[in-house]
Amino acid sequence: MMRTSPTRLSRSPCPRRRAGRCSRGVRMRFRRPQWASRRQRLGSLEFESARVPTPGTDRTWRVTAASVPGTSHVDSGRGCDDAFAYMVAPDGHGVVIAVADGAGSRSGTSALGSFAACRAVVAEASALLVAAGSEASAEPVLRRCFATARAAVESYAGQHGLQVRDLATTLAVAVLTPESSVVAQVGDGIVVCEVDAQAESLVPEEKGEYANETVFLTASDALEEHLRVRFLEKPIARFALSTDGLRYKILRLQDGGVPFDPFFDAIWQAVAEGSLSPAALSEWLAALDDQTGDDKTLVAGTLVDGPFADSTLPAALASPVPPVPPSSSVAPLPPAPPLHAMPAPASESAP
């Protein structure tokens, strides 16, 4: 992501191109869901995936995710500054998702910030899933989670003699349960959920004087002035979280940034049919002409009906630990703990 300051984003506007074609000639044919179909093609790619294992339930979460570096990062030899993490509850009835976008102006160290922020969120998954059941508890606990994520970024920066702005990152979080849902973000991430059978962009970024600016989690006023939270007293069965590198492909910007329905219908269908593995999603994202040169991240999930099936897809997944630049004195992040080992939500109400 191209950044001009540690807390603000600025980029040159990119002209829209015809949606549906990428730089490598992959043509995407978007169709409405054909739930009777057993296989799905997204462009010229055909995928294989499997259901998140949730024994003993008739309705289970199926989730896939991937991050890839943008073309501008690849051309300049930089890595991916995006990060993601998600965790499906052990009972299969809830899911916590985090997506973060490190500042491109701090490429090489901001990736550490985005990874640390996402890891801090999923570490709070148990409390988040309990709190999401009530509007009274959802926002306070989610705000505490964002504060914890920022503290994790600040702590890592301090341990290694870095400025907090070196680890600048956005952060978007969604917590979905059978009864209700809550989403929140600081920055310009994209959170789309199907609400009342309609794809809706939740907590969109509020644009200020300059349309291409954004605020990072590490900004001094991020939590007080720029954290946007929305509670929905209803279940959500399909979701997608993305960084802004995909905005020209998945939003109708000329209509105010509403979701581009054919994209989400195709993605959700592919996930529901078990035809979009993380590896295949990575391949497709890498081939997609995003028109920005920015990193691209997508986490998509849907509830599916039917009996439990064996799965090769874990109930939790996170983007890999980012490498530390050779010229940096920063020590590598320790390996992330296995996400599947996280405890189930407590039965009592969250504080």
Protein backbone atom coordinates (compact mmCIF):
# COMPACT_ATOMS: atom_id res chain seq x y z
CA MET A 1 0.00 0.00 0.00
CA MET A 2 1.40 3.37 -0.95
CA ARG A 3 1.60 5.60 2.15
CA THR A 4 2.69 9.19 2.51
CA SER A 5 2.60 9.45 6.29
CA PRO A 6 2.61 7.09 9.25
CA THR A 7 -1.08 7.62 9.92
CA ARG A 8 -2.52 8.62 6.58
CA LEU A 9 -2.85 7.03 3.18
CA SER A 10 -2.55 8.84 -0.13
CA ARG A 11 -2.42 7.35 -3.58
CA SER A 12 -3.02 8.49 -7.10
CA PRO A 13 -6.49 7.62 -8.38
CA CYS A 14 -6.52 4.59 -10.64
CA PRO A 15 -8.87 4.54 -13.62
CA ARG A 16 -11.33 1.70 -13.55
CA ARG A 17 -10.94 -1.01 -16.09
CA ARG A 18 -13.48 -3.47 -17.23
CA ALA A 19 -14.13 -5.90 -14.37
CA GLY A 20 -13.71 -9.54 -15.18
CA ARG A 21 -10.25 -9.71 -16.76
CA CYS A 22 -6.84 -9.94 -15.14
CA SER A 23 -3.30 -9.30 -16.27
CA ARG A 24 -2.64 -12.95 -17.05
CA GLY A 25 -5.65 -13.42 -19.27
CA VAL A 26 -7.82 -15.19 -16.68
CA ARG A 27 -11.41 -14.31 -17.44
CA MET A 28 -13.82 -14.45 -14.53
CA ARG A 29 -17.34 -15.53 -15.35
CA PHE A 30 -19.55 -14.46 -12.47
CA ARG A 31 -22.76 -16.38 -12.02
CA ARG A 32 -25.50 -16.55 -9.46
CA PRO A 33 -25.20 -19.54 -7.12
CA GLN A 34 -26.16 -22.89 -8.61
CA TRP A 35 -26.51 -24.82 -5.39
CA ALA A 36 -27.21 -28.10 -7.19
CA SER A 37 -23.83 -27.97 -8.92
CA ARG A 38 -21.02 -30.04 -7.38
CA ARG A 39 -18.08 -28.17 -8.93
CA GLN A 40 -17.32 -24.55 -9.59
CA ARG A 41 -15.02 -22.67 -11.93
CA LEU A 42 -13.88 -19.16 -11.15
CA GLY A 43 -12.44 -18.04 -14.43
CA SER A 44 -10.10 -20.68 -15.83
CA LEU A 45 -9.20 -22.02 -12.38
CA GLU A 46 -10.87 -25.02 -10.79
CA PHE A 47 -10.42 -25.49 -7.08
CA GLU A 48 -10.59 -28.13 -4.38
CA SER A 49 -11.35 -27.48 -0.75
CA ALA A 50 -12.99 -29.09 2.23
CA ARG A 51 -15.36 -28.22 5.03
CA VAL A 52 -14.22 -26.96 8.41
CA PRO A 53 -14.68 -30.02 10.66
CA THR A 54 -17.52 -29.60 13.14
CA PRO A 55 -18.73 -33.06 14.24
CA GLY A 56 -22.29 -33.43 15.39
CA THR A 57 -23.76 -30.32 13.77
CA ASP A 58 -25.95 -29.87 10.73
CA ARG A 59 -24.64 -26.41 9.89
CA THR A 60 -20.91 -25.81 9.75
CA TRP A 61 -18.63 -22.96 8.79
CA ARG A 62 -16.54 -23.36 5.67
CA VAL A 63 -13.81 -20.72 5.38
CA THR A 64 -10.93 -20.01 3.02
CA ALA A 65 -8.30 -17.27 3.07
CA ALA A 66 -5.18 -16.02 1.33
CA SER A 67 -2.83 -13.03 1.07
CA VAL A 68 -0.57 -12.25 -1.87
CA PRO A 69 1.84 -9.38 -2.55
CA GLY A 70 0.72 -6.77 -5.05
CA THR A 71 2.44 -6.26 -8.38
CA SER A 72 4.16 -3.09 -7.18
CA HIS A 73 5.61 -5.01 -4.23
CA VAL A 74 6.74 -7.87 -6.45
CA ASP A 75 8.37 -5.52 -8.95
CA SER A 76 10.29 -3.72 -6.20
CA GLY A 77 11.30 -6.90 -4.38
CA ARG A 78 9.15 -6.19 -1.34
CA GLY A 79 7.03 -8.74 0.49
CA CYS A 80 3.35 -8.67 1.42
CA ASP A 81 2.39 -6.18 4.14
CA ASP A 82 -1.13 -7.64 4.57
CA ALA A 83 -2.05 -10.20 7.22
CA PHE A 84 -5.10 -12.21 8.23
CA ALA A 85 -6.21 -14.70 10.87
CA TYR A 86 -9.47 -16.49 11.58
CA MET A 87 -10.75 -19.05 14.06
CA VAL A 88 -13.91 -21.15 13.96
CA ALA A 89 -15.30 -21.96 17.40
CA PRO A 90 -14.93 -25.60 18.45
CA ASP A 91 -18.70 -26.08 18.27
CA GLY A 92 -18.72 -24.66 14.74
CA HIS A 93 -21.34 -22.04 15.55
CA GLY A 94 -19.13 -18.95 15.61
CA VAL A 95 -16.16 -17.49 13.81
CA VAL A 96 -13.71 -14.64 14.46
CA ILE A 97 -11.89 -13.00 11.54
CA ALA A 98 -9.17 -10.34 11.45
CA VAL A 99 -7.62 -8.67 8.40
CA ALA A 100 -4.88 -6.01 8.52
CA ASP A 101 -2.97 -3.93 5.99
CA GLY A 102 0.50 -2.69 6.91
CA ALA A 103 1.54 0.73 5.66
CA GLY A 104 3.34 0.51 2.33
CA SER A 105 5.46 3.53 3.25
CA ARG A 106 6.90 1.35 6.03
CA SER A 107 7.17 -1.81 3.96
CA GLY A 108 9.36 -4.42 5.61
CA THR A 109 8.38 -3.53 9.16
CA SER A 110 4.66 -2.72 8.82
CA ALA A 111 4.09 -6.37 7.90
CA LEU A 112 5.16 -7.21 11.45
CA GLY A 113 2.52 -4.81 12.76
CA SER A 114 -0.31 -6.26 10.67
CA PHE A 115 0.63 -9.81 11.65
CA ALA A 116 0.90 -8.93 15.35
CA ALA A 117 -2.48 -7.16 15.29
CA CYS A 118 -4.28 -10.12 13.70
CA ARG A 119 -2.65 -12.59 16.09
CA ALA A 120 -3.73 -10.46 19.06
CA VAL A 121 -7.34 -10.52 17.84
CA VAL A 122 -7.64 -14.28 17.50
CA ALA A 123 -6.02 -14.65 20.94
CA GLU A 124 -9.14 -12.85 22.22
CA ALA A 125 -11.52 -15.07 20.22
CA SER A 126 -13.09 -16.76 23.24
CA ALA A 127 -14.13 -13.47 24.88
CA LEU A 128 -15.22 -11.99 21.56
CA LEU A 129 -17.56 -14.88 20.73
CA VAL A 130 -19.23 -14.66 24.13
CA ALA A 131 -19.52 -10.86 24.04
CA ALA A 132 -21.03 -10.82 20.54
CA GLY A 133 -24.21 -12.32 21.91
CA SER A 134 -25.24 -9.02 23.50
CA GLU A 135 -25.11 -5.47 22.22
CA ALA A 136 -24.33 -4.27 25.74
CA SER A 137 -21.15 -6.32 25.90
CA ALA A 138 -20.12 -6.49 22.23
CA GLU A 139 -18.79 -2.96 21.74
CA PRO A 140 -16.85 -2.67 25.02
CA VAL A 141 -15.15 -6.03 24.52
CA LEU A 142 -14.39 -5.28 20.89
CA ARG A 143 -12.89 -1.92 21.83
CA ARG A 144 -10.76 -3.68 24.42
CA CYS A 145 -9.66 -6.13 21.74
CA PHE A 146 -8.56 -3.30 19.43
CA ALA A 147 -6.69 -1.72 22.33
CA THR A 148 -4.99 -5.05 22.99
CA ALA A 149 -4.03 -5.34 19.33
CA ARG A 150 -2.54 -1.85 19.34
CA ALA A 151 -0.68 -2.59 22.57
CA ALA A 152 0.79 -5.72 20.96
CA VAL A 153 2.07 -3.66 18.04
CA GLU A 154 3.47 -0.97 20.34
CA SER A 155 5.12 -3.55 22.60
CA TYR A 156 6.90 -5.24 19.73
CA ALA A 157 8.09 -1.90 18.38
CA GLY A 158 9.46 -0.89 21.78
CA GLN A 159 11.25 -4.17 22.36
CA HIS A 160 13.32 -3.66 19.22
CA GLY A 161 13.94 0.06 19.23
CA LEU A 162 11.48 0.87 16.46
CA GLN A 163 9.03 3.73 16.25
CA VAL A 164 5.40 2.66 16.47
CA ARG A 165 4.83 4.23 13.07
CA ASP A 166 7.22 1.66 11.59
CA LEU A 167 4.59 -0.97 12.34
CA ALA A 168 1.60 1.11 11.19
CA THR A 169 -1.37 -1.03 10.13
CA THR A 170 -5.10 -0.96 9.62
CA LEU A 171 -7.33 -3.58 11.28
CA ALA A 172 -10.79 -4.99 10.48
CA VAL A 173 -12.53 -7.58 12.67
CA ALA A 174 -15.76 -9.59 12.40
CA VAL A 175 -17.29 -11.78 15.10
CA LEU A 176 -20.22 -13.92 13.95
CA THR A 177 -22.43 -16.09 16.17
CA PRO A 178 -25.75 -17.89 15.59
CA GLU A 179 -27.73 -15.17 17.37
CA SER A 180 -25.94 -11.95 16.47
CA SER A 181 -22.85 -10.43 14.92
CA VAL A 182 -20.50 -7.51 15.46
CA VAL A 183 -17.97 -5.97 13.09
CA ALA A 184 -15.47 -3.16 13.56
CA GLN A 185 -12.48 -1.56 11.93
CA VAL A 186 -9.92 1.20 11.91
CA GLY A 187 -8.75 2.04 8.41
CA ASP A 188 -9.88 1.22 4.91
CA GLY A 189 -10.54 -2.50 5.02
CA ILE A 190 -13.60 -4.01 3.35
CA VAL A 191 -16.14 -5.98 5.38
CA VAL A 192 -19.03 -7.45 3.40
CA CYS A 193 -21.72 -9.68 4.92
CA GLU A 194 -24.99 -11.00 3.60
CA VAL A 195 -27.67 -9.21 5.62
CA ASP A 196 -31.29 -10.12 4.91
CA ALA A 197 -30.24 -11.93 1.71
CA GLN A 198 -28.35 -8.88 0.44
CA ALA A 199 -24.60 -8.30 0.37
CA GLU A 200 -23.87 -5.20 2.42
CA SER A 201 -20.65 -3.31 3.11
CA LEU A 202 -20.45 -2.81 6.88
CA VAL A 203 -18.48 -0.13 8.75
CA PRO A 204 -17.11 1.46 5.53
CA GLU A 205 -14.37 4.01 5.89
CA GLU A 206 -15.53 7.58 6.45
CA LYS A 207 -13.71 9.72 3.92
CA GLY A 208 -12.42 13.10 5.03
CA GLU A 209 -11.08 16.05 3.10
CA TYR A 210 -8.84 13.82 1.00
CA ALA A 211 -10.63 10.81 -0.46
CA ASN A 212 -7.56 8.57 -0.56
CA GLU A 213 -6.50 8.96 3.08
CA THR A 214 -6.90 6.41 5.82
CA VAL A 215 -6.14 6.13 9.55
CA PHE A 216 -3.98 3.43 11.09
CA LEU A 217 -4.52 1.50 14.30
CA THR A 218 -1.30 3.05 15.60
CA ALA A 219 -2.59 6.64 15.26
CA SER A 220 -2.93 8.40 18.63
CA ASP A 221 -6.67 9.00 18.14
CA ALA A 222 -7.49 5.77 16.30
CA LEU A 223 -9.57 4.13 19.01
CA GLU A 224 -11.24 7.26 20.29
CA GLU A 225 -12.14 8.91 16.98
CA HIS A 226 -11.83 6.37 14.17
CA LEU A 227 -12.92 2.95 15.46
CA ARG A 228 -16.24 2.10 13.80
CA VAL A 229 -18.37 -0.63 15.37
CA ARG A 230 -21.66 -2.12 14.20
CA PHE A 231 -23.77 -4.66 16.07
CA LEU A 232 -26.37 -6.75 14.21
CA GLU A 233 -29.03 -8.55 16.22
CA LYS A 234 -29.28 -11.29 13.62
CA PRO A 235 -27.12 -14.16 12.38
CA ILE A 236 -24.96 -13.83 9.29
CA ALA A 237 -24.40 -16.87 7.09
CA ARG A 238 -21.89 -15.48 4.55
CA PHE A 239 -19.02 -13.01 4.94
CA ALA A 240 -15.92 -11.67 3.21
CA LEU A 241 -13.15 -9.48 4.62
CA SER A 242 -10.55 -7.90 2.39
CA THR A 243 -7.87 -5.25 2.36
CA ASP A 244 -8.34 -2.34 0.00
CA GLY A 245 -6.14 -3.82 -2.73
CA LEU A 246 -9.27 -5.49 -4.12
CA ARG A 247 -11.53 -2.45 -3.95
CA TYR A 248 -11.74 -1.94 -7.71
CA LYS A 249 -12.84 -5.55 -8.20
CA ILE A 250 -15.29 -6.12 -5.36
CA LEU A 251 -16.93 -2.72 -4.80
CA ARG A 252 -18.97 -0.52 -7.15
CA LEU A 253 -17.11 2.66 -6.31
CA GLN A 254 -19.12 4.73 -8.78
CA ASP A 255 -22.23 3.82 -6.72
CA GLY A 256 -20.77 4.76 -3.37
CA GLY A 257 -18.79 1.60 -2.67
CA VAL A 258 -21.63 -0.93 -2.54
CA PRO A 259 -20.61 -4.58 -3.01
CA PHE A 260 -20.28 -5.95 -6.54
CA ASP A 261 -22.78 -8.79 -6.14
CA PRO A 262 -21.50 -11.11 -8.91
CA PHE A 263 -18.07 -11.27 -7.28
CA PHE A 264 -19.42 -12.24 -3.87
CA ASP A 265 -21.99 -14.66 -5.30
CA ALA A 266 -19.20 -16.47 -7.16
CA ILE A 267 -16.80 -16.51 -4.20
CA TRP A 268 -19.41 -17.68 -1.71
CA GLN A 269 -20.65 -20.35 -4.09
CA ALA A 270 -17.11 -21.65 -4.60
CA VAL A 271 -16.51 -21.76 -0.84
CA ALA A 272 -19.86 -23.45 -0.15
CA GLU A 273 -19.20 -26.09 -2.78
CA GLY A 274 -15.77 -26.81 -1.36
CA SER A 275 -13.96 -25.70 -4.50
CA LEU A 276 -11.71 -22.89 -3.24
CA SER A 277 -8.71 -23.93 -1.17
CA PRO A 278 -6.29 -21.34 0.28
CA ALA A 279 -3.65 -22.37 -2.26
CA ALA A 280 -6.06 -22.00 -5.16
CA LEU A 281 -7.32 -18.68 -3.81
CA SER A 282 -3.70 -17.46 -3.61
CA GLU A 283 -3.15 -18.44 -7.23
CA TRP A 284 -6.29 -16.65 -8.33
CA LEU A 285 -5.49 -13.48 -6.35
CA ALA A 286 -1.96 -13.41 -7.76
CA ALA A 287 -3.32 -13.61 -11.31
CA LEU A 288 -6.00 -10.95 -10.74
CA ASP A 289 -5.35 -7.52 -12.24
CA ASP A 290 -6.21 -5.48 -9.16
CA GLN A 291 -5.49 -2.15 -10.94
CA THR A 292 -3.68 -0.77 -7.87
CA GLY A 293 -0.45 -2.76 -7.52
CA ASP A 294 -1.35 -3.19 -3.84
CA ASP A 295 -1.27 -6.37 -1.76
CA LYS A 296 -4.45 -8.45 -1.89
CA THR A 297 -6.07 -10.34 0.96
CA LEU A 298 -9.41 -12.14 1.08
CA VAL A 299 -11.03 -14.18 3.83
CA ALA A 300 -14.42 -15.60 2.82
CA GLY A 301 -16.76 -17.97 4.59
CA THR A 302 -20.24 -19.42 4.49
CA LEU A 303 -22.40 -21.67 6.62
CA VAL A 304 -23.32 -24.89 4.86
CA ASP A 305 -26.03 -27.42 5.65
CA GLY A 306 -25.40 -31.12 5.82
CA PRO A 307 -23.65 -33.74 7.93
CA PHE A 308 -20.05 -33.51 9.02
CA ALA A 309 -17.46 -34.41 6.39
CA ASP A 310 -13.74 -35.03 6.87
CA SER A 311 -11.68 -31.95 6.10
CA THR A 312 -8.18 -30.97 5.09
CA LEU A 313 -8.91 -27.31 5.86
CA PRO A 314 -8.19 -26.30 9.48
CA ALA A 315 -10.76 -24.57 11.63
CA ALA A 316 -8.20 -21.79 12.10
CA LEU A 317 -5.65 -20.27 9.79
CA ALA A 318 -3.29 -17.27 9.79
CA SER A 319 -1.00 -15.71 7.25
CA PRO A 320 2.65 -16.76 7.74
CA VAL A 321 5.06 -14.90 10.00
CA PRO A 322 6.54 -12.11 7.86
CA PRO A 323 10.29 -12.09 7.28
CA VAL A 324 12.42 -9.39 8.88
CA PRO A 325 14.42 -7.26 6.41
CA PRO A 326 18.13 -8.22 6.42
CA SER A 327 19.10 -4.60 7.12
CA SER A 328 16.87 -4.42 10.19
CA SER A 329 17.98 -5.09 13.75
CA VAL A 330 14.51 -6.41 14.55
CA ALA A 331 14.42 -9.97 15.85
CA PRO A 332 12.01 -12.29 14.07
CA LEU A 333 8.56 -12.76 15.54
CA PRO A 334 8.27 -16.05 17.42
CA PRO A 335 6.25 -18.78 15.70
CA ALA A 336 2.53 -18.28 16.17
CA PRO A 337 0.83 -20.77 18.50
CA PRO A 338 -1.48 -23.30 16.80
CA LEU A 339 -4.79 -21.51 16.38
CA HIS A 340 -6.74 -24.75 16.66
CA ALA A 341 -5.47 -25.09 20.24
CA MET A 342 -7.38 -22.04 21.43
CA PRO A 343 -10.00 -22.72 24.12
CA ALA A 344 -13.69 -22.85 23.46
CA PRO A 345 -15.73 -19.77 24.48
CA ALA A 346 -16.54 -19.71 28.18
CA SER A 347 -20.13 -20.36 29.11
CA GLU A 348 -20.40 -17.34 31.37
CA SER A 349 -20.91 -13.84 30.08
CA ALA A 350 -17.88 -11.87 29.06
CA PRO A 351 -16.89 -8.92 31.29
